[in-house]
Amino acid sequence: MNPFSLMTCIITILLFLVCSLVCVAEQSELICSHQPIVALVGDDVILPCYLDPPISASSETVAWTRPGLDPEFIHFHHNGRLMPQIQNPSYYLRTRLFVDELQNGNVSMKIFRVKISDAGKYFCFLESMLKEASIQLTVGKSDFLKMMNYTLW
């Protein structure tokens, strides 16, 4: 076989594989809960977000943001790790992704020790796929819920 023909064949196969992966990524949707996530001050909470149909997000840059903050990055995951130097200081050491689940399209973020100031709308971005979804977090105090219990009973 001619070396030129072999090279052409290999390039054709590689282009086919790349195009197939891009097509699957374009068909997949990024989905976050449409219902607000409710947490109490001090709780740990998960903001669920995933690709449907599931495709791997292991090699993706996953950015969670909250508009109005400076910097607005709550969690920035690039090249397989958190980039704390661009993370908003109020979330330092309080967020994580489920890294083992990225391969299944799960880009959910966990926030530890929720504060009242954490309440608001969050956005999840998958940079190279040009995908975005949002989710609302509502945070309450335990005193408020106790009062609501007494009112209802």
Protein backbone atom coordinates (compact mmCIF):
# COMPACT_ATOMS: atom_id res chain seq x y z
CA MET A 1 0.00 0.00 0.00
CA ASN A 2 1.19 3.46 -0.86
CA PRO A 3 2.26 5.48 2.28
CA PHE A 4 0.24 8.44 0.99
CA SER A 5 -2.91 6.30 0.79
CA LEU A 6 -2.34 4.94 4.29
CA MET A 7 -1.93 8.47 5.67
CA THR A 8 -5.09 9.61 3.85
CA CYS A 9 -7.00 6.66 5.31
CA ILE A 10 -5.79 7.40 8.87
CA ILE A 11 -6.65 11.09 8.57
CA THR A 12 -10.12 10.24 7.21
CA ILE A 13 -10.79 7.89 10.14
CA LEU A 14 -9.58 10.48 12.67
CA LEU A 15 -11.77 13.19 11.13
CA PHE A 16 -14.75 10.85 11.26
CA LEU A 17 -14.14 10.11 14.95
CA VAL A 18 -13.77 13.80 15.84
CA CYS A 19 -16.92 14.72 13.91
CA SER A 20 -18.83 11.92 15.66
CA LEU A 21 -17.81 13.20 19.08
CA VAL A 22 -18.76 16.78 18.18
CA CYS A 23 -22.17 15.64 16.93
CA VAL A 24 -22.88 13.76 20.18
CA ALA A 25 -21.82 16.80 22.24
CA GLU A 26 -24.12 19.04 20.20
CA GLN A 27 -27.07 16.71 20.78
CA SER A 28 -26.50 16.54 24.53
CA GLU A 29 -28.26 19.10 26.74
CA LEU A 30 -26.97 20.56 30.00
CA ILE A 31 -29.76 20.26 32.56
CA CYS A 32 -30.06 21.72 36.05
CA SER A 33 -33.08 21.39 38.33
CA HIS A 34 -35.95 23.71 37.38
CA GLN A 35 -37.09 23.69 41.02
CA PRO A 36 -35.17 25.85 43.50
CA ILE A 37 -32.81 23.99 45.79
CA VAL A 38 -33.60 24.78 49.44
CA ALA A 39 -31.02 24.60 52.22
CA LEU A 40 -30.55 25.77 55.79
CA VAL A 41 -27.63 27.86 56.98
CA GLY A 42 -24.74 25.51 57.79
CA ASP A 43 -26.00 22.68 55.57
CA ASP A 44 -24.08 21.15 52.71
CA VAL A 45 -26.04 21.32 49.46
CA ILE A 46 -25.71 19.85 45.97
CA LEU A 47 -26.65 21.91 42.93
CA PRO A 48 -27.55 19.11 40.47
CA CYS A 49 -26.51 19.55 36.85
CA TYR A 50 -25.83 16.93 34.16
CA LEU A 51 -25.55 16.24 30.46
CA ASP A 52 -28.45 14.37 28.87
CA PRO A 53 -27.85 12.07 27.12
CA PRO A 54 -24.80 11.51 29.30
CA ILE A 55 -21.43 12.11 27.69
CA SER A 56 -18.11 12.52 29.40
CA ALA A 57 -17.23 15.98 30.73
CA SER A 58 -13.87 14.79 32.10
CA SER A 59 -11.87 16.87 29.64
CA GLU A 60 -14.22 19.87 29.83
CA THR A 61 -13.64 23.18 31.55
CA VAL A 62 -16.54 23.36 34.01
CA ALA A 63 -17.30 26.81 35.38
CA TRP A 64 -19.91 27.58 38.04
CA THR A 65 -20.65 31.29 38.36
CA ARG A 66 -22.93 33.64 40.23
CA PRO A 67 -23.63 37.00 38.57
CA GLY A 68 -23.02 40.06 40.69
CA LEU A 69 -19.96 38.67 42.45
CA ASP A 70 -16.42 39.82 41.76
CA PRO A 71 -14.91 37.50 40.73
CA GLU A 72 -18.05 35.67 39.68
CA PHE A 73 -16.45 32.20 39.59
CA ILE A 74 -17.73 29.97 42.38
CA HIS A 75 -15.88 26.93 41.06
CA PHE A 76 -13.60 26.73 38.01
CA HIS A 77 -12.47 23.22 37.05
CA HIS A 78 -9.84 23.11 34.29
CA ASN A 79 -7.41 20.37 33.20
CA GLY A 80 -8.76 18.03 35.85
CA ARG A 81 -8.44 20.36 38.85
CA LEU A 82 -9.92 23.31 40.68
CA MET A 83 -8.35 26.69 39.86
CA PRO A 84 -8.61 28.44 43.26
CA GLN A 85 -6.72 31.54 42.10
CA ILE A 86 -9.77 32.70 40.10
CA GLN A 87 -12.40 31.50 42.58
CA ASN A 88 -14.44 34.01 44.59
CA PRO A 89 -12.82 34.11 48.06
CA SER A 90 -16.13 33.60 49.88
CA TYR A 91 -16.35 30.11 48.32
CA TYR A 92 -12.72 29.12 48.96
CA LEU A 93 -12.56 25.51 50.25
CA ARG A 94 -16.39 25.31 50.21
CA THR A 95 -17.09 23.85 46.75
CA ARG A 96 -16.31 20.70 44.83
CA LEU A 97 -17.36 18.75 41.78
CA PHE A 98 -17.85 15.01 41.80
CA VAL A 99 -14.73 14.42 39.71
CA ASP A 100 -15.33 10.66 39.38
CA GLU A 101 -18.79 11.41 37.94
CA LEU A 102 -17.61 13.82 35.23
CA GLN A 103 -17.14 10.84 32.90
CA ASN A 104 -20.90 10.19 33.24
CA GLY A 105 -21.83 13.78 32.38
CA ASN A 106 -22.48 14.77 36.00
CA VAL A 107 -21.21 18.34 36.57
CA SER A 108 -23.12 18.91 39.83
CA MET A 109 -21.46 21.13 42.42
CA LYS A 110 -21.51 20.72 46.19
CA ILE A 111 -21.38 23.77 48.45
CA PHE A 112 -20.28 23.15 52.03
CA ARG A 113 -21.49 25.13 55.07
CA VAL A 114 -24.11 27.20 53.22
CA LYS A 115 -24.48 30.85 54.24
CA ILE A 116 -27.44 33.23 53.79
CA SER A 117 -25.28 35.16 51.31
CA ASP A 118 -25.05 32.02 49.11
CA ALA A 119 -28.71 32.37 48.10
CA GLY A 120 -29.22 33.27 44.44
CA LYS A 121 -29.01 32.08 40.88
CA TYR A 122 -26.05 29.96 39.80
CA PHE A 123 -24.91 29.19 36.26
CA CYS A 124 -23.00 26.14 35.06
CA PHE A 125 -20.96 26.50 31.84
CA LEU A 126 -19.24 23.84 29.76
CA GLU A 127 -16.86 25.98 27.77
CA SER A 128 -15.91 23.95 24.72
CA MET A 129 -19.43 22.52 24.28
CA LEU A 130 -20.95 26.00 24.57
CA LYS A 131 -23.51 24.67 27.08
CA GLU A 132 -25.09 26.67 29.90
CA ALA A 133 -27.77 25.99 32.51
CA SER A 134 -28.93 27.76 35.67
CA ILE A 135 -30.31 26.82 39.06
CA GLN A 136 -31.72 28.79 42.00
CA LEU A 137 -30.52 28.27 45.59
CA THR A 138 -32.75 29.41 48.45
CA VAL A 139 -31.20 29.55 51.92
CA GLY A 140 -33.15 29.85 55.17
CA LYS A 141 -32.42 29.97 58.87
CA SER A 142 -33.50 27.14 61.15
CA ASP A 143 -35.41 29.61 63.39
CA PHE A 144 -37.64 30.51 60.45
CA LEU A 145 -38.45 26.85 59.78
CA LYS A 146 -39.15 26.19 63.47
CA MET A 147 -41.55 29.14 63.47
CA MET A 148 -43.22 27.76 60.34
CA ASN A 149 -43.65 24.37 62.04
CA TYR A 150 -45.35 25.97 65.04
CA THR A 151 -47.61 28.00 62.75
CA LEU A 152 -48.65 24.96 60.75
CA TRP A 153 -49.35 22.73 63.75
